[in-house]
Amino acid sequence: MPIFSKAPAEVITLLEETKQLHHPRLVLAEVNVAAVMVEAKVDENGDPAGPALKHHGHPCLAKIRIVPPKERVQGLADAEITLDGDRWPLLSRDEQVAVLDHELTHLELVGEADDGGRPKLRMRLHDYEAGWFVEVAERHREASQERQQAATMFTSHGQALFPFASVSEATVSAVKGHEA
């Protein structure tokens, strides 16, 4: 069974710093975000028996949830981030901040306050959600959703998402299927 623990003080400090720097609306609304760590269950040799944290069956570094109103009125946080405690220490500080920023970006304020006087929140979906199979892209090429979605991401947000790729007008035209 996974082992849960309260996040250490340095994680809470980094979470608050990230919220202050990148999410002023959450700060102004006094959104309280808790953090917990989870470590993978271990086998008889003490080795991890799989990833500590999964999302849709895939290993992930973190997940966020909005705490239900019933729990919030009992004094729990407005939202809770669960972090992979096995992988977290392996990340650089910049990577840790990016993970926390990603999770906080899921929180959207809606309206003034809930019945308990706490900020109303909803989950913001990712700008893109990729569920791709390389073999389908190889088989069906431009007809595959994999290639079509990748092309949309590349032409709309090239340097933000693909900084390693050279983005020129010729490249964008080629990706869009036009003559370069």
C-alpha atoms as a PDB file:
ATOM      1  CA  MET A   1       0.000   0.000   0.000  1.00  0.00           C
ATOM      2  CA  PRO A   2       1.341   3.500  -0.817  1.00  0.00           C
ATOM      3  CA  ILE A   3       2.694   5.464   2.126  1.00  0.00           C
ATOM      4  CA  PHE A   4       1.272   8.963   2.586  1.00  0.00           C
ATOM      5  CA  SER A   5       2.869  11.700   4.683  1.00  0.00           C
ATOM      6  CA  LYS A   6       2.477  15.400   5.235  1.00  0.00           C
ATOM      7  CA  ALA A   7       4.716  17.394   2.890  1.00  0.00           C
ATOM      8  CA  PRO A   8       7.846  18.748   4.592  1.00  0.00           C
ATOM      9  CA  ALA A   9       8.071  22.440   5.471  1.00  0.00           C
ATOM     10  CA  GLU A  10      10.379  23.214   2.532  1.00  0.00           C
ATOM     11  CA  VAL A  11       7.771  21.882   0.089  1.00  0.00           C
ATOM     12  CA  ILE A  12       5.030  23.995   1.709  1.00  0.00           C
ATOM     13  CA  THR A  13       7.307  27.060   1.532  1.00  0.00           C
ATOM     14  CA  LEU A  14       8.037  26.419  -2.152  1.00  0.00           C
ATOM     15  CA  LEU A  15       4.318  25.924  -2.811  1.00  0.00           C
ATOM     16  CA  GLU A  16       3.496  29.260  -1.172  1.00  0.00           C
ATOM     17  CA  GLU A  17       6.314  31.028  -3.047  1.00  0.00           C
ATOM     18  CA  THR A  18       5.051  29.579  -6.333  1.00  0.00           C
ATOM     19  CA  LYS A  19       1.494  30.643  -5.544  1.00  0.00           C
ATOM     20  CA  GLN A  20       2.666  34.179  -4.666  1.00  0.00           C
ATOM     21  CA  LEU A  21       4.773  34.497  -7.819  1.00  0.00           C
ATOM     22  CA  HIS A  22       2.485  32.944 -10.433  1.00  0.00           C
ATOM     23  CA  HIS A  23      -1.050  32.847  -8.999  1.00  0.00           C
ATOM     24  CA  PRO A  24      -1.929  36.214  -7.430  1.00  0.00           C
ATOM     25  CA  ARG A  25      -5.677  35.613  -7.878  1.00  0.00           C
ATOM     26  CA  LEU A  26      -5.450  32.514  -5.670  1.00  0.00           C
ATOM     27  CA  VAL A  27      -3.481  34.530  -3.112  1.00  0.00           C
ATOM     28  CA  LEU A  28      -6.028  37.386  -3.123  1.00  0.00           C
ATOM     29  CA  ALA A  29      -8.892  34.912  -2.714  1.00  0.00           C
ATOM     30  CA  GLU A  30      -6.992  33.279   0.173  1.00  0.00           C
ATOM     31  CA  VAL A  31      -7.136  29.836  -1.430  1.00  0.00           C
ATOM     32  CA  ASN A  32      -5.511  27.384   0.952  1.00  0.00           C
ATOM     33  CA  VAL A  33      -3.598  24.575  -0.771  1.00  0.00           C
ATOM     34  CA  ALA A  34      -2.264  21.618   1.207  1.00  0.00           C
ATOM     35  CA  ALA A  35       0.430  19.216   0.025  1.00  0.00           C
ATOM     36  CA  VAL A  36       1.002  15.567   0.791  1.00  0.00           C
ATOM     37  CA  MET A  37       3.723  13.178  -0.299  1.00  0.00           C
ATOM     38  CA  VAL A  38       3.181   9.595  -1.406  1.00  0.00           C
ATOM     39  CA  GLU A  39       5.835   6.919  -1.660  1.00  0.00           C
ATOM     40  CA  ALA A  40       5.410   3.705  -3.627  1.00  0.00           C
ATOM     41  CA  LYS A  41       4.576   0.479  -1.884  1.00  0.00           C
ATOM     42  CA  VAL A  42       7.601  -1.750  -1.677  1.00  0.00           C
ATOM     43  CA  ASP A  43       8.152  -5.449  -2.350  1.00  0.00           C
ATOM     44  CA  GLU A  44       9.724  -7.958   0.025  1.00  0.00           C
ATOM     45  CA  ASN A  45      13.206  -6.665  -0.948  1.00  0.00           C
ATOM     46  CA  GLY A  46      12.295  -3.074  -0.114  1.00  0.00           C
ATOM     47  CA  ASP A  47      12.237  -2.039  -3.782  1.00  0.00           C
ATOM     48  CA  PRO A  48       9.377   0.105  -5.148  1.00  0.00           C
ATOM     49  CA  ALA A  49       6.635  -2.108  -6.559  1.00  0.00           C
ATOM     50  CA  GLY A  50       5.638   0.517  -9.119  1.00  0.00           C
ATOM     51  CA  PRO A  51       5.213   4.264  -9.331  1.00  0.00           C
ATOM     52  CA  ALA A  52       4.092   6.113  -6.224  1.00  0.00           C
ATOM     53  CA  LEU A  53       1.523   8.168  -8.114  1.00  0.00           C
ATOM     54  CA  LYS A  54      -0.449   7.576 -11.309  1.00  0.00           C
ATOM     55  CA  HIS A  55      -2.828   9.577 -13.458  1.00  0.00           C
ATOM     56  CA  HIS A  56      -4.934   7.609 -15.957  1.00  0.00           C
ATOM     57  CA  GLY A  57      -2.640   4.641 -15.359  1.00  0.00           C
ATOM     58  CA  HIS A  58       0.577   6.528 -16.164  1.00  0.00           C
ATOM     59  CA  PRO A  59       3.224   7.573 -13.625  1.00  0.00           C
ATOM     60  CA  CYS A  60       2.995  11.255 -12.728  1.00  0.00           C
ATOM     61  CA  LEU A  61       4.868  13.651 -10.479  1.00  0.00           C
ATOM     62  CA  ALA A  62       1.823  15.331  -8.956  1.00  0.00           C
ATOM     63  CA  LYS A  63      -1.955  15.572  -8.909  1.00  0.00           C
ATOM     64  CA  ILE A  64      -4.249  18.229  -7.532  1.00  0.00           C
ATOM     65  CA  ARG A  65      -7.825  17.950  -6.330  1.00  0.00           C
ATOM     66  CA  ILE A  66     -10.373  20.405  -5.061  1.00  0.00           C
ATOM     67  CA  VAL A  67     -11.329  19.388  -1.551  1.00  0.00           C
ATOM     68  CA  PRO A  68     -15.102  18.753  -1.265  1.00  0.00           C
ATOM     69  CA  PRO A  69     -17.147  21.407   0.611  1.00  0.00           C
ATOM     70  CA  LYS A  70     -18.028  19.002   3.428  1.00  0.00           C
ATOM     71  CA  GLU A  71     -14.324  18.558   4.202  1.00  0.00           C
ATOM     72  CA  ARG A  72     -13.518  22.253   3.688  1.00  0.00           C
ATOM     73  CA  VAL A  73     -16.048  23.371   6.311  1.00  0.00           C
ATOM     74  CA  GLN A  74     -14.315  20.995   8.729  1.00  0.00           C
ATOM     75  CA  GLY A  75     -11.127  23.016   8.372  1.00  0.00           C
ATOM     76  CA  LEU A  76      -9.317  21.181   5.589  1.00  0.00           C
ATOM     77  CA  ALA A  77      -7.637  23.053   2.747  1.00  0.00           C
ATOM     78  CA  ASP A  78      -9.481  24.275  -0.337  1.00  0.00           C
ATOM     79  CA  ALA A  79      -7.295  22.111  -2.586  1.00  0.00           C
ATOM     80  CA  GLU A  80      -4.692  19.408  -2.108  1.00  0.00           C
ATOM     81  CA  ILE A  81      -1.612  18.564  -4.158  1.00  0.00           C
ATOM     82  CA  THR A  82      -0.259  15.027  -3.911  1.00  0.00           C
ATOM     83  CA  LEU A  83       3.420  14.723  -4.869  1.00  0.00           C
ATOM     84  CA  ASP A  84       5.412  11.638  -5.808  1.00  0.00           C
ATOM     85  CA  GLY A  85       7.690  11.479  -2.773  1.00  0.00           C
ATOM     86  CA  ASP A  86      10.055   9.025  -4.481  1.00  0.00           C
ATOM     87  CA  ARG A  87      10.774  11.272  -7.476  1.00  0.00           C
ATOM     88  CA  TRP A  88      10.359  14.730  -5.886  1.00  0.00           C
ATOM     89  CA  PRO A  89      13.841  14.828  -4.307  1.00  0.00           C
ATOM     90  CA  LEU A  90      15.376  13.986  -7.711  1.00  0.00           C
ATOM     91  CA  LEU A  91      13.984  17.171  -9.297  1.00  0.00           C
ATOM     92  CA  SER A  92      15.854  20.450  -9.439  1.00  0.00           C
ATOM     93  CA  ARG A  93      14.313  23.408  -7.629  1.00  0.00           C
ATOM     94  CA  ASP A  94      13.243  24.878 -10.995  1.00  0.00           C
ATOM     95  CA  GLU A  95      11.579  21.590 -11.924  1.00  0.00           C
ATOM     96  CA  GLN A  96       9.802  21.475  -8.566  1.00  0.00           C
ATOM     97  CA  VAL A  97       8.499  25.018  -9.060  1.00  0.00           C
ATOM     98  CA  ALA A  98       7.303  24.094 -12.567  1.00  0.00           C
ATOM     99  CA  VAL A  99       5.422  21.052 -11.198  1.00  0.00           C
ATOM    100  CA  LEU A 100       3.762  23.133  -8.466  1.00  0.00           C
ATOM    101  CA  ASP A 101       2.911  25.896 -10.953  1.00  0.00           C
ATOM    102  CA  HIS A 102       1.351  23.309 -13.281  1.00  0.00           C
ATOM    103  CA  GLU A 103      -0.842  21.917 -10.518  1.00  0.00           C
ATOM    104  CA  LEU A 104      -1.880  25.382  -9.259  1.00  0.00           C
ATOM    105  CA  THR A 105      -2.816  26.350 -12.828  1.00  0.00           C
ATOM    106  CA  HIS A 106      -5.553  23.717 -12.664  1.00  0.00           C
ATOM    107  CA  LEU A 107      -7.366  25.830 -10.037  1.00  0.00           C
ATOM    108  CA  GLU A 108      -9.850  28.372 -11.390  1.00  0.00           C
ATOM    109  CA  LEU A 109     -11.801  30.760  -9.227  1.00  0.00           C
ATOM    110  CA  VAL A 110     -15.522  30.914  -9.994  1.00  0.00           C
ATOM    111  CA  GLY A 111     -17.828  33.316  -8.225  1.00  0.00           C
ATOM    112  CA  GLU A 112     -17.329  34.827  -4.802  1.00  0.00           C
ATOM    113  CA  ALA A 113     -17.539  32.138  -2.137  1.00  0.00           C
ATOM    114  CA  ASP A 114     -19.203  28.821  -1.426  1.00  0.00           C
ATOM    115  CA  ASP A 115     -21.776  28.195   1.323  1.00  0.00           C
ATOM    116  CA  GLY A 116     -18.964  27.767   3.843  1.00  0.00           C
ATOM    117  CA  GLY A 117     -17.432  31.125   2.944  1.00  0.00           C
ATOM    118  CA  ARG A 118     -14.505  29.563   1.071  1.00  0.00           C
ATOM    119  CA  PRO A 119     -13.496  30.485  -2.501  1.00  0.00           C
ATOM    120  CA  LYS A 120     -15.400  28.599  -5.198  1.00  0.00           C
ATOM    121  CA  LEU A 121     -13.037  26.598  -7.359  1.00  0.00           C
ATOM    122  CA  ARG A 122     -13.234  24.441 -10.453  1.00  0.00           C
ATOM    123  CA  MET A 123     -10.637  22.381 -12.235  1.00  0.00           C
ATOM    124  CA  ARG A 124      -9.115  23.935 -15.328  1.00  0.00           C
ATOM    125  CA  LEU A 125      -8.406  21.351 -18.011  1.00  0.00           C
ATOM    126  CA  HIS A 126      -5.080  21.160 -19.807  1.00  0.00           C
ATOM    127  CA  ASP A 127      -4.749  23.246 -22.943  1.00  0.00           C
ATOM    128  CA  TYR A 128      -3.808  19.991 -24.681  1.00  0.00           C
ATOM    129  CA  GLU A 129      -4.343  16.390 -23.652  1.00  0.00           C
ATOM    130  CA  ALA A 130      -2.263  13.936 -25.666  1.00  0.00           C
ATOM    131  CA  GLY A 131      -3.190  10.290 -25.770  1.00  0.00           C
ATOM    132  CA  TRP A 132      -1.112   9.138 -28.674  1.00  0.00           C
ATOM    133  CA  PHE A 133       0.202   5.885 -30.124  1.00  0.00           C
ATOM    134  CA  VAL A 134       3.403   6.195 -32.149  1.00  0.00           C
ATOM    135  CA  GLU A 135       2.515   3.106 -34.180  1.00  0.00           C
ATOM    136  CA  VAL A 136      -0.800   4.690 -35.273  1.00  0.00           C
ATOM    137  CA  ALA A 137       1.032   7.842 -36.337  1.00  0.00           C
ATOM    138  CA  GLU A 138       3.500   5.700 -38.292  1.00  0.00           C
ATOM    139  CA  ARG A 139       0.748   3.653 -39.961  1.00  0.00           C
ATOM    140  CA  HIS A 140      -1.667   6.437 -40.809  1.00  0.00           C
ATOM    141  CA  ARG A 141       0.693   9.421 -41.029  1.00  0.00           C
ATOM    142  CA  GLU A 142      -1.196  12.686 -41.742  1.00  0.00           C
ATOM    143  CA  ALA A 143      -4.596  10.963 -41.347  1.00  0.00           C
ATOM    144  CA  SER A 144      -3.865  10.120 -37.690  1.00  0.00           C
ATOM    145  CA  GLN A 145      -5.094  12.260 -34.820  1.00  0.00           C
ATOM    146  CA  GLU A 146      -1.611  11.919 -33.352  1.00  0.00           C
ATOM    147  CA  ARG A 147      -0.005  13.804 -36.250  1.00  0.00           C
ATOM    148  CA  GLN A 148      -2.876  16.262 -36.643  1.00  0.00           C
ATOM    149  CA  GLN A 149      -2.799  17.219 -32.944  1.00  0.00           C
ATOM    150  CA  ALA A 150       1.003  17.457 -32.938  1.00  0.00           C
ATOM    151  CA  ALA A 151       0.860  19.738 -35.994  1.00  0.00           C
ATOM    152  CA  THR A 152      -1.716  21.978 -34.316  1.00  0.00           C
ATOM    153  CA  MET A 153       0.417  22.214 -31.187  1.00  0.00           C
ATOM    154  CA  PHE A 154       3.549  22.942 -33.218  1.00  0.00           C
ATOM    155  CA  THR A 155       2.026  25.602 -35.466  1.00  0.00           C
ATOM    156  CA  SER A 156       0.114  27.320 -32.658  1.00  0.00           C
ATOM    157  CA  HIS A 157       2.725  27.229 -29.901  1.00  0.00           C
ATOM    158  CA  GLY A 158       5.960  26.095 -31.562  1.00  0.00           C
ATOM    159  CA  GLN A 159       8.658  27.718 -29.449  1.00  0.00           C
ATOM    160  CA  ALA A 160       6.730  27.485 -26.176  1.00  0.00           C
ATOM    161  CA  LEU A 161       6.247  23.721 -26.470  1.00  0.00           C
ATOM    162  CA  PHE A 162       9.042  22.756 -28.868  1.00  0.00           C
ATOM    163  CA  PRO A 163      11.983  25.069 -28.096  1.00  0.00           C
ATOM    164  CA  PHE A 164      14.381  22.469 -29.504  1.00  0.00           C
ATOM    165  CA  ALA A 165      12.783  22.735 -32.961  1.00  0.00           C
ATOM    166  CA  SER A 166      13.696  25.401 -35.447  1.00  0.00           C
ATOM    167  CA  VAL A 167      10.495  27.232 -36.294  1.00  0.00           C
ATOM    168  CA  SER A 168      10.619  29.151 -39.526  1.00  0.00           C
ATOM    169  CA  GLU A 169       7.852  30.148 -41.914  1.00  0.00           C
ATOM    170  CA  ALA A 170       8.965  27.285 -44.164  1.00  0.00           C
ATOM    171  CA  THR A 171       8.698  24.820 -41.274  1.00  0.00           C
ATOM    172  CA  VAL A 172       5.258  26.074 -40.246  1.00  0.00           C
ATOM    173  CA  SER A 173       4.042  25.900 -43.856  1.00  0.00           C
ATOM    174  CA  ALA A 174       5.395  22.376 -44.226  1.00  0.00           C
ATOM    175  CA  VAL A 175       3.706  21.247 -41.014  1.00  0.00           C
ATOM    176  CA  LYS A 176       0.428  22.787 -42.128  1.00  0.00           C
ATOM    177  CA  GLY A 177       0.726  20.845 -45.375  1.00  0.00           C
ATOM    178  CA  HIS A 178       1.455  23.831 -47.631  1.00  0.00           C
ATOM    179  CA  GLU A 179       4.305  24.323 -50.064  1.00  0.00           C
ATOM    180  CA  ALA A 180       7.385  25.686 -48.302  1.00  0.00           C
END
